[in-house]
Amino acid sequence: MNSTRNKGLKKLASTILAAEPDYIYDPEHRNRPKGGGWRKTDKGWSKADSPESGSDSSDSGNTPEMNEGIKNMEIARIRKLSKSEDVVERQQAISSLTPQDVWEKLVDDEDWQVRLGVATSPYAPENVLQKLSNDHTSMYGAFIRHYVARQCKDPETIEKLSKDTDFFVREGAAMNPNAPDEILRTLAEDTIPRTSEAALKNLNSRKSTSDSK
């Protein structure tokens, strides 16, 4: 039953996340998005200009003042979207330029689809992910916590989620590249094969990287 539920949730989440305008969560870069302009990030694919992308004003021909004006216009658009009554529009408020106060508004959104968008965003601040690690507000809470467990950096949050009663959340912690080895070794003994296999794969990839240096 859990397997059927998770497959259904993944399919639904794929549909939801496909609407995001500037990123796709795909940390292993298995599915390159269609169209141009996508670049790889450590958590997937992005079209957004950000400090990590290495873009600057000389690339576009704009002056710094023009770029700052464009940035401010985009932030104003994000603020407006975050206040929309439409769920899809509130999801579109999630981007590399989302201000901290808007993140804090979105993390408390009444619709789980918006909170899921936050949990999967490579731009979500760590304190926002930590808050979502306690999301039990709907039947989709485990799915949200899974993605938090999969990308958060705080060791205490990872440890907490690694002990979650839902195996899907523990699996997310087992896949996290930031998870301490000690936590992964514990998860490698999980009674659910998917979780233990994910932890072993994570540990083995670290060993392979270490051996190649």
N, C-alpha and C. Protein backbone atom coordinates (compact mmCIF):
# COMPACT_ATOMS: atom_id res chain seq x y z
N MET A 1 0.84 -1.21 0.00
CA MET A 1 0.00 0.00 0.00
C MET A 1 0.87 1.25 0.00
N ASN A 2 1.97 1.23 0.83
CA ASN A 2 2.87 2.36 0.87
C ASN A 2 3.51 2.59 -0.50
N SER A 3 3.86 1.49 -1.19
CA SER A 3 4.48 1.58 -2.50
C SER A 3 3.54 2.25 -3.50
N THR A 4 2.27 1.85 -3.47
CA THR A 4 1.28 2.45 -4.37
C THR A 4 1.10 3.92 -4.08
N ARG A 5 1.05 4.25 -2.79
CA ARG A 5 0.87 5.65 -2.39
C ARG A 5 2.04 6.49 -2.87
N ASN A 6 3.27 5.99 -2.67
CA ASN A 6 4.44 6.77 -3.05
C ASN A 6 4.55 6.96 -4.56
N LYS A 7 4.17 5.92 -5.33
CA LYS A 7 4.19 6.06 -6.78
C LYS A 7 3.21 7.13 -7.22
N GLY A 8 2.02 7.13 -6.59
CA GLY A 8 1.02 8.13 -6.92
C GLY A 8 1.48 9.53 -6.56
N LEU A 9 2.13 9.66 -5.40
CA LEU A 9 2.62 10.96 -4.98
C LEU A 9 3.73 11.46 -5.89
N LYS A 10 4.62 10.57 -6.31
CA LYS A 10 5.71 10.97 -7.20
C LYS A 10 5.17 11.48 -8.53
N LYS A 11 4.17 10.76 -9.04
CA LYS A 11 3.56 11.16 -10.32
C LYS A 11 2.91 12.53 -10.19
N LEU A 12 2.20 12.73 -9.07
CA LEU A 12 1.53 14.01 -8.84
C LEU A 12 2.55 15.12 -8.67
N ALA A 13 3.61 14.83 -7.93
CA ALA A 13 4.64 15.86 -7.70
C ALA A 13 5.34 16.23 -9.00
N SER A 14 5.57 15.25 -9.87
CA SER A 14 6.21 15.54 -11.15
C SER A 14 5.38 16.52 -11.96
N THR A 15 4.06 16.33 -11.91
CA THR A 15 3.16 17.23 -12.63
C THR A 15 3.22 18.62 -12.05
N ILE A 16 3.24 18.69 -10.72
CA ILE A 16 3.26 19.99 -10.04
C ILE A 16 4.57 20.71 -10.31
N LEU A 17 5.68 20.01 -10.13
CA LEU A 17 6.98 20.63 -10.24
C LEU A 17 7.31 21.02 -11.67
N ALA A 18 6.66 20.39 -12.62
CA ALA A 18 6.91 20.72 -14.03
C ALA A 18 6.46 22.13 -14.35
N ALA A 19 5.59 22.68 -13.50
CA ALA A 19 5.10 24.04 -13.75
C ALA A 19 6.10 25.09 -13.29
N GLU A 20 7.13 24.69 -12.53
CA GLU A 20 8.09 25.65 -12.04
C GLU A 20 8.87 26.26 -13.20
N PRO A 21 9.02 27.58 -13.24
CA PRO A 21 9.60 28.24 -14.39
C PRO A 21 11.11 28.19 -14.49
N ASP A 22 11.83 28.05 -13.37
CA ASP A 22 13.27 28.22 -13.48
C ASP A 22 14.12 27.08 -12.93
N TYR A 23 13.51 26.01 -12.43
CA TYR A 23 14.33 24.89 -12.01
C TYR A 23 13.54 23.59 -12.03
N ILE A 24 14.26 22.50 -12.13
CA ILE A 24 13.68 21.16 -12.03
C ILE A 24 14.54 20.35 -11.08
N TYR A 25 13.93 19.78 -10.06
CA TYR A 25 14.67 18.99 -9.08
C TYR A 25 15.07 17.64 -9.69
N ASP A 26 16.36 17.45 -9.91
CA ASP A 26 16.89 16.22 -10.51
C ASP A 26 18.36 16.12 -10.15
N PRO A 27 18.67 15.83 -8.87
CA PRO A 27 20.06 15.89 -8.39
C PRO A 27 21.03 14.98 -9.13
N GLU A 28 20.54 13.92 -9.72
CA GLU A 28 21.43 13.01 -10.44
C GLU A 28 21.51 13.34 -11.94
N HIS A 29 20.79 14.36 -12.36
CA HIS A 29 20.82 14.85 -13.76
C HIS A 29 20.54 13.73 -14.75
N ARG A 30 19.49 12.97 -14.47
CA ARG A 30 19.13 11.86 -15.35
C ARG A 30 18.28 12.30 -16.53
N ASN A 31 17.51 13.36 -16.35
CA ASN A 31 16.57 13.77 -17.39
C ASN A 31 16.78 15.23 -17.76
N ARG A 32 17.51 15.47 -18.83
CA ARG A 32 17.76 16.85 -19.25
C ARG A 32 16.47 17.46 -19.77
N PRO A 33 16.07 18.63 -19.28
CA PRO A 33 14.83 19.26 -19.73
C PRO A 33 14.90 19.64 -21.21
N LYS A 34 13.73 19.69 -21.83
CA LYS A 34 13.66 20.09 -23.22
C LYS A 34 13.85 21.60 -23.34
N GLY A 35 14.38 22.02 -24.47
CA GLY A 35 14.60 23.45 -24.69
C GLY A 35 15.98 23.87 -24.24
N GLY A 36 16.36 25.07 -24.57
CA GLY A 36 17.68 25.57 -24.23
C GLY A 36 17.70 26.39 -22.96
N GLY A 37 18.90 26.77 -22.55
CA GLY A 37 19.06 27.66 -21.40
C GLY A 37 19.21 26.96 -20.06
N TRP A 38 19.13 25.63 -20.04
CA TRP A 38 19.23 24.92 -18.76
C TRP A 38 20.70 24.68 -18.41
N ARG A 39 21.02 24.80 -17.14
CA ARG A 39 22.36 24.48 -16.66
C ARG A 39 22.25 23.55 -15.46
N LYS A 40 23.31 22.79 -15.22
CA LYS A 40 23.32 21.86 -14.10
C LYS A 40 23.64 22.60 -12.81
N THR A 41 22.93 22.23 -11.74
CA THR A 41 23.27 22.68 -10.40
C THR A 41 23.43 21.44 -9.55
N ASP A 42 23.81 21.60 -8.29
CA ASP A 42 24.02 20.42 -7.46
C ASP A 42 22.72 19.71 -7.10
N LYS A 43 21.56 20.34 -7.38
CA LYS A 43 20.29 19.71 -7.07
C LYS A 43 19.39 19.52 -8.29
N GLY A 44 19.91 19.82 -9.49
CA GLY A 44 19.07 19.62 -10.66
C GLY A 44 19.42 20.55 -11.79
N TRP A 45 18.38 21.08 -12.45
CA TRP A 45 18.53 21.94 -13.63
C TRP A 45 17.94 23.31 -13.34
N SER A 46 18.59 24.35 -13.81
CA SER A 46 18.11 25.71 -13.53
C SER A 46 18.25 26.60 -14.75
N LYS A 47 17.28 27.50 -14.89
CA LYS A 47 17.36 28.55 -15.90
C LYS A 47 17.60 29.91 -15.25
N ALA A 48 17.56 29.94 -13.93
CA ALA A 48 17.63 31.23 -13.22
C ALA A 48 19.04 31.77 -13.21
N ASP A 49 19.16 33.07 -13.36
CA ASP A 49 20.45 33.73 -13.17
C ASP A 49 20.67 33.88 -11.68
N SER A 50 21.81 33.46 -11.21
CA SER A 50 22.13 33.54 -9.79
C SER A 50 23.63 33.66 -9.65
N PRO A 51 24.12 33.99 -8.46
CA PRO A 51 25.56 34.09 -8.27
C PRO A 51 26.29 32.82 -8.67
N GLU A 52 25.62 31.64 -8.47
CA GLU A 52 26.25 30.38 -8.77
C GLU A 52 26.42 30.17 -10.26
N SER A 53 25.62 30.83 -11.06
CA SER A 53 25.65 30.58 -12.50
C SER A 53 26.84 31.25 -13.16
N GLY A 54 27.47 32.19 -12.46
CA GLY A 54 28.62 32.86 -13.03
C GLY A 54 28.23 33.95 -14.02
N SER A 55 26.96 34.28 -14.13
CA SER A 55 26.54 35.31 -15.06
C SER A 55 26.83 36.68 -14.49
N ASP A 56 27.11 37.66 -15.37
CA ASP A 56 27.31 39.03 -14.91
C ASP A 56 26.73 39.99 -15.94
N SER A 57 26.85 41.27 -15.66
CA SER A 57 26.22 42.26 -16.52
C SER A 57 26.80 42.26 -17.92
N SER A 58 28.07 41.82 -18.07
CA SER A 58 28.69 41.84 -19.39
C SER A 58 28.08 40.80 -20.31
N ASP A 59 27.50 39.74 -19.75
CA ASP A 59 26.89 38.70 -20.56
C ASP A 59 25.67 39.23 -21.31
N SER A 60 24.90 40.08 -20.69
CA SER A 60 23.66 40.55 -21.28
C SER A 60 23.79 41.91 -21.97
N GLY A 61 24.89 42.60 -21.70
CA GLY A 61 25.05 43.94 -22.25
C GLY A 61 24.40 45.00 -21.40
N ASN A 62 23.76 44.60 -20.29
CA ASN A 62 23.11 45.55 -19.41
C ASN A 62 24.12 46.16 -18.44
N THR A 63 23.86 47.37 -18.01
CA THR A 63 24.69 47.99 -16.98
C THR A 63 24.28 47.41 -15.63
N PRO A 64 25.13 47.53 -14.60
CA PRO A 64 24.75 47.06 -13.26
C PRO A 64 23.46 47.69 -12.77
N GLU A 65 23.25 48.98 -13.12
CA GLU A 65 22.03 49.66 -12.69
C GLU A 65 20.80 49.05 -13.34
N MET A 66 20.93 48.71 -14.64
CA MET A 66 19.81 48.08 -15.35
C MET A 66 19.50 46.71 -14.75
N ASN A 67 20.56 45.94 -14.46
CA ASN A 67 20.35 44.61 -13.89
C ASN A 67 19.71 44.69 -12.51
N GLU A 68 20.11 45.70 -11.73
CA GLU A 68 19.51 45.88 -10.41
C GLU A 68 18.04 46.22 -10.53
N GLY A 69 17.70 47.04 -11.53
CA GLY A 69 16.30 47.39 -11.75
C GLY A 69 15.48 46.18 -12.16
N ILE A 70 16.05 45.35 -13.03
CA ILE A 70 15.35 44.12 -13.46
C ILE A 70 15.14 43.19 -12.28
N LYS A 71 16.17 43.09 -11.44
CA LYS A 71 16.08 42.23 -10.25
C LYS A 71 14.97 42.72 -9.33
N ASN A 72 14.91 44.01 -9.10
CA ASN A 72 13.89 44.57 -8.21
C ASN A 72 12.48 44.35 -8.77
N MET A 73 12.34 44.46 -10.10
CA MET A 73 11.05 44.20 -10.73
C MET A 73 10.63 42.75 -10.54
N GLU A 74 11.60 41.84 -10.65
CA GLU A 74 11.30 40.42 -10.48
C GLU A 74 10.91 40.11 -9.05
N ILE A 75 11.59 40.74 -8.09
CA ILE A 75 11.25 40.54 -6.68
C ILE A 75 9.84 41.05 -6.40
N ALA A 76 9.49 42.18 -7.00
CA ALA A 76 8.14 42.72 -6.82
C ALA A 76 7.11 41.75 -7.40
N ARG A 77 7.44 41.14 -8.54
CA ARG A 77 6.53 40.16 -9.16
C ARG A 77 6.39 38.93 -8.25
N ILE A 78 7.48 38.51 -7.65
CA ILE A 78 7.46 37.36 -6.74
C ILE A 78 6.57 37.65 -5.54
N ARG A 79 6.70 38.84 -4.98
CA ARG A 79 5.87 39.21 -3.83
C ARG A 79 4.38 39.17 -4.19
N LYS A 80 4.07 39.65 -5.37
CA LYS A 80 2.67 39.66 -5.83
C LYS A 80 2.17 38.23 -6.00
N LEU A 81 2.98 37.37 -6.61
CA LEU A 81 2.59 35.98 -6.82
C LEU A 81 2.35 35.26 -5.49
N SER A 82 3.18 35.56 -4.51
CA SER A 82 3.06 34.88 -3.22
C SER A 82 1.75 35.19 -2.50
N LYS A 83 1.10 36.29 -2.90
CA LYS A 83 -0.17 36.70 -2.28
C LYS A 83 -1.39 36.27 -3.09
N SER A 84 -1.14 35.60 -4.22
CA SER A 84 -2.22 35.20 -5.10
C SER A 84 -3.10 34.13 -4.44
N GLU A 85 -4.35 34.09 -4.84
CA GLU A 85 -5.25 33.04 -4.38
C GLU A 85 -5.07 31.76 -5.19
N ASP A 86 -4.32 31.85 -6.28
CA ASP A 86 -4.09 30.70 -7.16
C ASP A 86 -2.87 29.92 -6.69
N VAL A 87 -3.03 28.62 -6.50
CA VAL A 87 -1.94 27.78 -6.00
C VAL A 87 -0.75 27.79 -6.94
N VAL A 88 -0.99 27.65 -8.24
CA VAL A 88 0.10 27.61 -9.22
C VAL A 88 0.89 28.92 -9.20
N GLU A 89 0.20 30.03 -9.06
CA GLU A 89 0.90 31.32 -9.02
C GLU A 89 1.74 31.43 -7.75
N ARG A 90 1.25 30.92 -6.63
CA ARG A 90 2.06 30.96 -5.41
C ARG A 90 3.28 30.07 -5.56
N GLN A 91 3.15 28.96 -6.27
CA GLN A 91 4.31 28.11 -6.54
C GLN A 91 5.35 28.86 -7.36
N GLN A 92 4.90 29.71 -8.26
CA GLN A 92 5.81 30.45 -9.12
C GLN A 92 6.56 31.54 -8.37
N ALA A 93 6.18 31.77 -7.13
CA ALA A 93 6.92 32.73 -6.29
C ALA A 93 8.20 32.12 -5.75
N ILE A 94 8.41 30.83 -6.02
CA ILE A 94 9.61 30.13 -5.55
C ILE A 94 10.69 30.25 -6.62
N SER A 95 11.76 30.97 -6.31
CA SER A 95 12.84 31.14 -7.28
C SER A 95 14.12 31.53 -6.56
N SER A 96 15.17 31.73 -7.35
CA SER A 96 16.46 32.11 -6.78
C SER A 96 16.43 33.50 -6.17
N LEU A 97 15.43 34.31 -6.53
CA LEU A 97 15.36 35.69 -6.03
C LEU A 97 14.31 35.86 -4.93
N THR A 98 13.69 34.78 -4.49
CA THR A 98 12.65 34.88 -3.46
C THR A 98 13.24 35.46 -2.17
N PRO A 99 12.68 36.57 -1.66
CA PRO A 99 13.18 37.16 -0.41
C PRO A 99 12.85 36.29 0.80
N GLN A 100 13.60 36.47 1.87
CA GLN A 100 13.43 35.66 3.08
C GLN A 100 12.01 35.74 3.62
N ASP A 101 11.41 36.94 3.65
CA ASP A 101 10.07 37.08 4.21
C ASP A 101 9.03 36.33 3.38
N VAL A 102 9.28 36.21 2.06
CA VAL A 102 8.35 35.47 1.21
C VAL A 102 8.52 33.96 1.46
N TRP A 103 9.78 33.52 1.63
CA TRP A 103 10.00 32.11 1.99
C TRP A 103 9.21 31.75 3.25
N GLU A 104 9.28 32.63 4.24
CA GLU A 104 8.61 32.37 5.51
C GLU A 104 7.09 32.36 5.37
N LYS A 105 6.59 33.06 4.38
CA LYS A 105 5.16 33.05 4.10
C LYS A 105 4.78 31.74 3.38
N LEU A 106 5.59 31.35 2.40
CA LEU A 106 5.29 30.16 1.60
C LEU A 106 5.41 28.87 2.43
N VAL A 107 6.32 28.85 3.38
CA VAL A 107 6.52 27.64 4.17
C VAL A 107 5.30 27.34 5.05
N ASP A 108 4.49 28.36 5.29
CA ASP A 108 3.28 28.20 6.10
C ASP A 108 2.03 28.16 5.23
N ASP A 109 2.21 28.05 3.91
CA ASP A 109 1.06 28.05 3.01
C ASP A 109 0.10 26.92 3.36
N GLU A 110 -1.19 27.19 3.25
CA GLU A 110 -2.20 26.20 3.61
C GLU A 110 -2.26 25.04 2.62
N ASP A 111 -1.73 25.24 1.41
CA ASP A 111 -1.78 24.20 0.39
C ASP A 111 -0.47 23.42 0.37
N TRP A 112 -0.57 22.10 0.51
CA TRP A 112 0.63 21.25 0.56
C TRP A 112 1.45 21.34 -0.72
N GLN A 113 0.82 21.66 -1.85
CA GLN A 113 1.54 21.73 -3.11
C GLN A 113 2.57 22.86 -3.10
N VAL A 114 2.24 23.96 -2.44
CA VAL A 114 3.17 25.07 -2.33
C VAL A 114 4.32 24.67 -1.40
N ARG A 115 3.99 24.04 -0.29
CA ARG A 115 5.03 23.62 0.64
C ARG A 115 5.95 22.58 0.01
N LEU A 116 5.38 21.73 -0.85
CA LEU A 116 6.20 20.76 -1.57
C LEU A 116 7.17 21.48 -2.50
N GLY A 117 6.68 22.52 -3.17
CA GLY A 117 7.56 23.31 -4.04
C GLY A 117 8.72 23.91 -3.26
N VAL A 118 8.44 24.37 -2.04
CA VAL A 118 9.50 24.91 -1.19
C VAL A 118 10.49 23.81 -0.82
N ALA A 119 9.98 22.65 -0.43
CA ALA A 119 10.84 21.54 0.02
C ALA A 119 11.77 21.05 -1.07
N THR A 120 11.36 21.16 -2.32
CA THR A 120 12.18 20.67 -3.43
C THR A 120 13.05 21.75 -4.06
N SER A 121 12.87 22.99 -3.63
CA SER A 121 13.62 24.08 -4.25
C SER A 121 15.08 24.08 -3.83
N PRO A 122 16.00 24.17 -4.79
CA PRO A 122 17.42 24.25 -4.44
C PRO A 122 17.79 25.59 -3.82
N TYR A 123 16.86 26.54 -3.82
CA TYR A 123 17.11 27.87 -3.28
C TYR A 123 16.52 28.06 -1.88
N ALA A 124 15.81 27.08 -1.37
CA ALA A 124 15.16 27.22 -0.06
C ALA A 124 16.20 27.40 1.04
N PRO A 125 16.05 28.43 1.88
CA PRO A 125 16.99 28.63 2.98
C PRO A 125 16.92 27.48 3.98
N GLU A 126 18.01 27.25 4.66
CA GLU A 126 18.10 26.13 5.59
C GLU A 126 17.08 26.23 6.71
N ASN A 127 16.84 27.44 7.23
CA ASN A 127 15.89 27.57 8.33
C ASN A 127 14.47 27.24 7.87
N VAL A 128 14.17 27.47 6.59
CA VAL A 128 12.86 27.13 6.04
C VAL A 128 12.73 25.62 5.91
N LEU A 129 13.79 24.96 5.46
CA LEU A 129 13.76 23.49 5.36
C LEU A 129 13.61 22.86 6.74
N GLN A 130 14.27 23.44 7.72
CA GLN A 130 14.16 22.90 9.08
C GLN A 130 12.71 22.98 9.57
N LYS A 131 12.03 24.07 9.24
CA LYS A 131 10.63 24.19 9.65
C LYS A 131 9.78 23.14 8.95
N LEU A 132 10.04 22.90 7.67
CA LEU A 132 9.27 21.90 6.93
C LEU A 132 9.56 20.48 7.39
N SER A 133 10.66 20.29 8.09
CA SER A 133 10.97 18.94 8.60
C SER A 133 9.93 18.49 9.62
N ASN A 134 9.11 19.42 10.09
CA ASN A 134 8.05 19.10 11.06
C ASN A 134 6.67 19.10 10.41
N ASP A 135 6.64 19.04 9.07
CA ASP A 135 5.35 19.13 8.37
C ASP A 135 4.58 17.81 8.48
N HIS A 136 3.54 17.82 9.30
CA HIS A 136 2.64 16.68 9.46
C HIS A 136 1.20 17.14 9.23
N THR A 137 1.04 18.21 8.45
CA THR A 137 -0.26 18.86 8.36
C THR A 137 -1.21 18.22 7.36
N SER A 138 -0.74 17.26 6.58
CA SER A 138 -1.62 16.60 5.62
C SER A 138 -1.10 15.21 5.32
N MET A 139 -1.83 14.46 4.51
CA MET A 139 -1.40 13.12 4.15
C MET A 139 -0.14 13.16 3.28
N TYR A 140 0.20 14.36 2.80
CA TYR A 140 1.39 14.50 1.96
C TYR A 140 2.60 14.97 2.76
N GLY A 141 2.45 15.05 4.07
CA GLY A 141 3.55 15.52 4.91
C GLY A 141 4.81 14.68 4.76
N ALA A 142 4.65 13.35 4.65
CA ALA A 142 5.82 12.48 4.51
C ALA A 142 6.56 12.76 3.22
N PHE A 143 5.81 13.10 2.17
CA PHE A 143 6.44 13.39 0.90
C PHE A 143 7.25 14.69 0.99
N ILE A 144 6.70 15.67 1.69
CA ILE A 144 7.41 16.94 1.91
C ILE A 144 8.67 16.69 2.75
N ARG A 145 8.53 15.93 3.82
CA ARG A 145 9.67 15.66 4.69
C ARG A 145 10.75 14.86 3.95
N HIS A 146 10.33 14.00 3.02
CA HIS A 146 11.29 13.23 2.23
C HIS A 146 12.25 14.17 1.49
N TYR A 147 11.70 15.20 0.85
CA TYR A 147 12.55 16.10 0.07
C TYR A 147 13.38 17.01 0.97
N VAL A 148 12.86 17.33 2.14
CA VAL A 148 13.67 18.08 3.11
C VAL A 148 14.84 17.20 3.55
N ALA A 149 14.54 15.95 3.88
CA ALA A 149 15.59 15.02 4.32
C ALA A 149 16.63 14.81 3.24
N ARG A 150 16.23 14.96 2.02
CA ARG A 150 17.09 14.68 0.88
C ARG A 150 18.09 15.80 0.57
N GLN A 151 17.77 17.04 1.02
CA GLN A 151 18.66 18.14 0.65
C GLN A 151 19.11 19.04 1.79
N CYS A 152 18.55 18.92 2.98
CA CYS A 152 18.95 19.82 4.05
C CYS A 152 20.40 19.54 4.47
N LYS A 153 21.01 20.54 5.10
CA LYS A 153 22.42 20.43 5.49
C LYS A 153 22.62 20.32 7.00
N ASP A 154 21.62 20.69 7.77
CA ASP A 154 21.76 20.69 9.22
C ASP A 154 21.82 19.26 9.76
N PRO A 155 22.91 18.87 10.43
CA PRO A 155 23.07 17.49 10.92
C PRO A 155 21.95 17.05 11.86
N GLU A 156 21.48 17.96 12.72
CA GLU A 156 20.43 17.59 13.66
C GLU A 156 19.11 17.31 12.95
N THR A 157 18.82 18.10 11.92
CA THR A 157 17.60 17.88 11.14
C THR A 157 17.69 16.56 10.38
N ILE A 158 18.84 16.29 9.80
CA ILE A 158 19.04 15.03 9.07
C ILE A 158 18.87 13.84 10.02
N GLU A 159 19.46 13.96 11.20
CA GLU A 159 19.36 12.86 12.17
C GLU A 159 17.90 12.63 12.59
N LYS A 160 17.18 13.72 12.82
CA LYS A 160 15.77 13.59 13.20
C LYS A 160 14.97 12.89 12.11
N LEU A 161 15.17 13.30 10.87
CA LEU A 161 14.42 12.71 9.78
C LEU A 161 14.87 11.29 9.47
N SER A 162 16.10 10.97 9.81
CA SER A 162 16.58 9.60 9.60
C SER A 162 15.89 8.61 10.54
N LYS A 163 15.22 9.14 11.56
CA LYS A 163 14.50 8.31 12.53
C LYS A 163 12.98 8.43 12.36
N ASP A 164 12.56 9.07 11.28
CA ASP A 164 11.13 9.27 11.03
C ASP A 164 10.41 7.91 10.94
N THR A 165 9.17 7.88 11.39
CA THR A 165 8.41 6.63 11.34
C THR A 165 8.05 6.20 9.93
N ASP A 166 8.07 7.15 8.98
CA ASP A 166 7.76 6.82 7.58
C ASP A 166 9.07 6.47 6.85
N PHE A 167 9.13 5.29 6.26
CA PHE A 167 10.36 4.85 5.60
C PHE A 167 10.75 5.76 4.44
N PHE A 168 9.75 6.40 3.80
CA PHE A 168 10.04 7.25 2.66
C PHE A 168 10.85 8.47 3.09
N VAL A 169 10.59 8.96 4.29
CA VAL A 169 11.37 10.08 4.84
C VAL A 169 12.78 9.61 5.16
N ARG A 170 12.91 8.43 5.77
CA ARG A 170 14.23 7.88 6.08
C ARG A 170 15.04 7.65 4.80
N GLU A 171 14.35 7.24 3.74
CA GLU A 171 15.02 7.04 2.47
C GLU A 171 15.61 8.35 1.95
N GLY A 172 14.86 9.45 2.15
CA GLY A 172 15.37 10.75 1.74
C GLY A 172 16.66 11.09 2.47
N ALA A 173 16.70 10.83 3.79
CA ALA A 173 17.91 11.09 4.57
C ALA A 173 19.06 10.22 4.09
N ALA A 174 18.75 8.98 3.70
CA ALA A 174 19.77 8.05 3.22
C ALA A 174 20.39 8.52 1.90
N MET A 175 19.64 9.32 1.14
CA MET A 175 20.11 9.81 -0.16
C MET A 175 20.84 11.15 -0.05
N ASN A 176 20.80 11.76 1.12
CA ASN A 176 21.33 13.11 1.29
C ASN A 176 22.86 13.12 1.24
N PRO A 177 23.45 13.88 0.32
CA PRO A 177 24.91 13.95 0.24
C PRO A 177 25.55 14.61 1.44
N ASN A 178 24.72 15.31 2.25
CA ASN A 178 25.24 15.98 3.45
C ASN A 178 25.11 15.13 4.71
N ALA A 179 24.50 13.95 4.59
CA ALA A 179 24.29 13.11 5.78
C ALA A 179 25.62 12.59 6.32
N PRO A 180 25.84 12.72 7.62
CA PRO A 180 27.07 12.18 8.22
C PRO A 180 27.16 10.66 8.03
N ASP A 181 28.37 10.14 7.93
CA ASP A 181 28.57 8.70 7.71
C ASP A 181 27.91 7.87 8.80
N GLU A 182 27.96 8.36 10.03
CA GLU A 182 27.38 7.60 11.14
C GLU A 182 25.88 7.38 10.94
N ILE A 183 25.19 8.39 10.46
CA ILE A 183 23.76 8.27 10.20
C ILE A 183 23.52 7.30 9.05
N LEU A 184 24.35 7.37 8.03
CA LEU A 184 24.19 6.48 6.88
C LEU A 184 24.43 5.02 7.27
N ARG A 185 25.40 4.80 8.15
CA ARG A 185 25.67 3.43 8.59
C ARG A 185 24.48 2.86 9.36
N THR A 186 23.82 3.71 10.13
CA THR A 186 22.61 3.27 10.84
C THR A 186 21.49 2.98 9.85
N LEU A 187 21.31 3.86 8.87
CA LEU A 187 20.26 3.66 7.87
C LEU A 187 20.55 2.45 6.97
N ALA A 188 21.80 2.09 6.85
CA ALA A 188 22.16 0.92 6.03
C ALA A 188 21.62 -0.37 6.63
N GLU A 189 21.21 -0.30 7.90
CA GLU A 189 20.65 -1.46 8.58
C GLU A 189 19.13 -1.36 8.72
N ASP A 190 18.55 -0.38 8.02
CA ASP A 190 17.10 -0.20 8.07
C ASP A 190 16.38 -1.46 7.58
N THR A 191 15.23 -1.73 8.17
CA THR A 191 14.48 -2.93 7.80
C THR A 191 13.81 -2.83 6.43
N ILE A 192 13.71 -1.61 5.90
CA ILE A 192 13.13 -1.41 4.58
C ILE A 192 14.26 -1.42 3.55
N PRO A 193 14.26 -2.37 2.62
CA PRO A 193 15.36 -2.49 1.65
C PRO A 193 15.67 -1.21 0.89
N ARG A 194 14.64 -0.48 0.48
CA ARG A 194 14.89 0.74 -0.30
C ARG A 194 15.73 1.74 0.48
N THR A 195 15.45 1.84 1.78
CA THR A 195 16.19 2.78 2.62
C THR A 195 17.62 2.31 2.84
N SER A 196 17.77 1.05 3.19
CA SER A 196 19.12 0.52 3.44
C SER A 196 19.98 0.55 2.18
N GLU A 197 19.37 0.25 1.03
CA GLU A 197 20.13 0.26 -0.22
C GLU A 197 20.56 1.68 -0.59
N ALA A 198 19.70 2.66 -0.33
CA ALA A 198 20.05 4.05 -0.62
C ALA A 198 21.22 4.51 0.25
N ALA A 199 21.21 4.11 1.52
CA ALA A 199 22.30 4.47 2.43
C ALA A 199 23.61 3.83 2.00
N LEU A 200 23.55 2.55 1.62
CA LEU A 200 24.76 1.85 1.18
C LEU A 200 25.32 2.48 -0.09
N LYS A 201 24.43 2.84 -1.00
CA LYS A 201 24.86 3.47 -2.25
C LYS A 201 25.55 4.80 -1.96
N ASN A 202 25.01 5.56 -1.03
CA ASN A 202 25.59 6.84 -0.65
C ASN A 202 26.98 6.64 -0.04
N LEU A 203 27.08 5.68 0.87
CA LEU A 203 28.37 5.39 1.51
C LEU A 203 29.40 4.91 0.49
N ASN A 204 28.99 4.02 -0.41
CA ASN A 204 29.91 3.48 -1.40
C ASN A 204 30.41 4.54 -2.37
N SER A 205 29.52 5.48 -2.72
CA SER A 205 29.94 6.55 -3.62
C SER A 205 30.98 7.44 -2.96
N ARG A 206 30.86 7.63 -1.67
CA ARG A 206 31.86 8.41 -0.94
C ARG A 206 33.20 7.69 -0.89
N LYS A 207 33.13 6.38 -0.70
CA LYS A 207 34.36 5.57 -0.65
C LYS A 207 35.06 5.61 -2.00
N SER A 208 34.26 5.51 -3.07
CA SER A 208 34.83 5.52 -4.42
C SER A 208 35.50 6.87 -4.70
N THR A 209 34.84 7.94 -4.26
CA THR A 209 35.40 9.28 -4.47
C THR A 209 36.69 9.44 -3.69
N SER A 210 36.70 8.92 -2.46
CA SER A 210 37.89 9.01 -1.61
C SER A 210 39.05 8.20 -2.19
N ASP A 211 38.75 7.02 -2.71
CA ASP A 211 39.78 6.14 -3.27
C ASP A 211 40.39 6.71 -4.53
N SER A 212 39.60 7.49 -5.27
CA SER A 212 40.10 8.04 -6.54
C SER A 212 40.99 9.26 -6.35
N LYS A 213 41.00 9.79 -5.14
CA LYS A 213 41.84 10.99 -4.88
C LYS A 213 43.29 10.58 -4.62
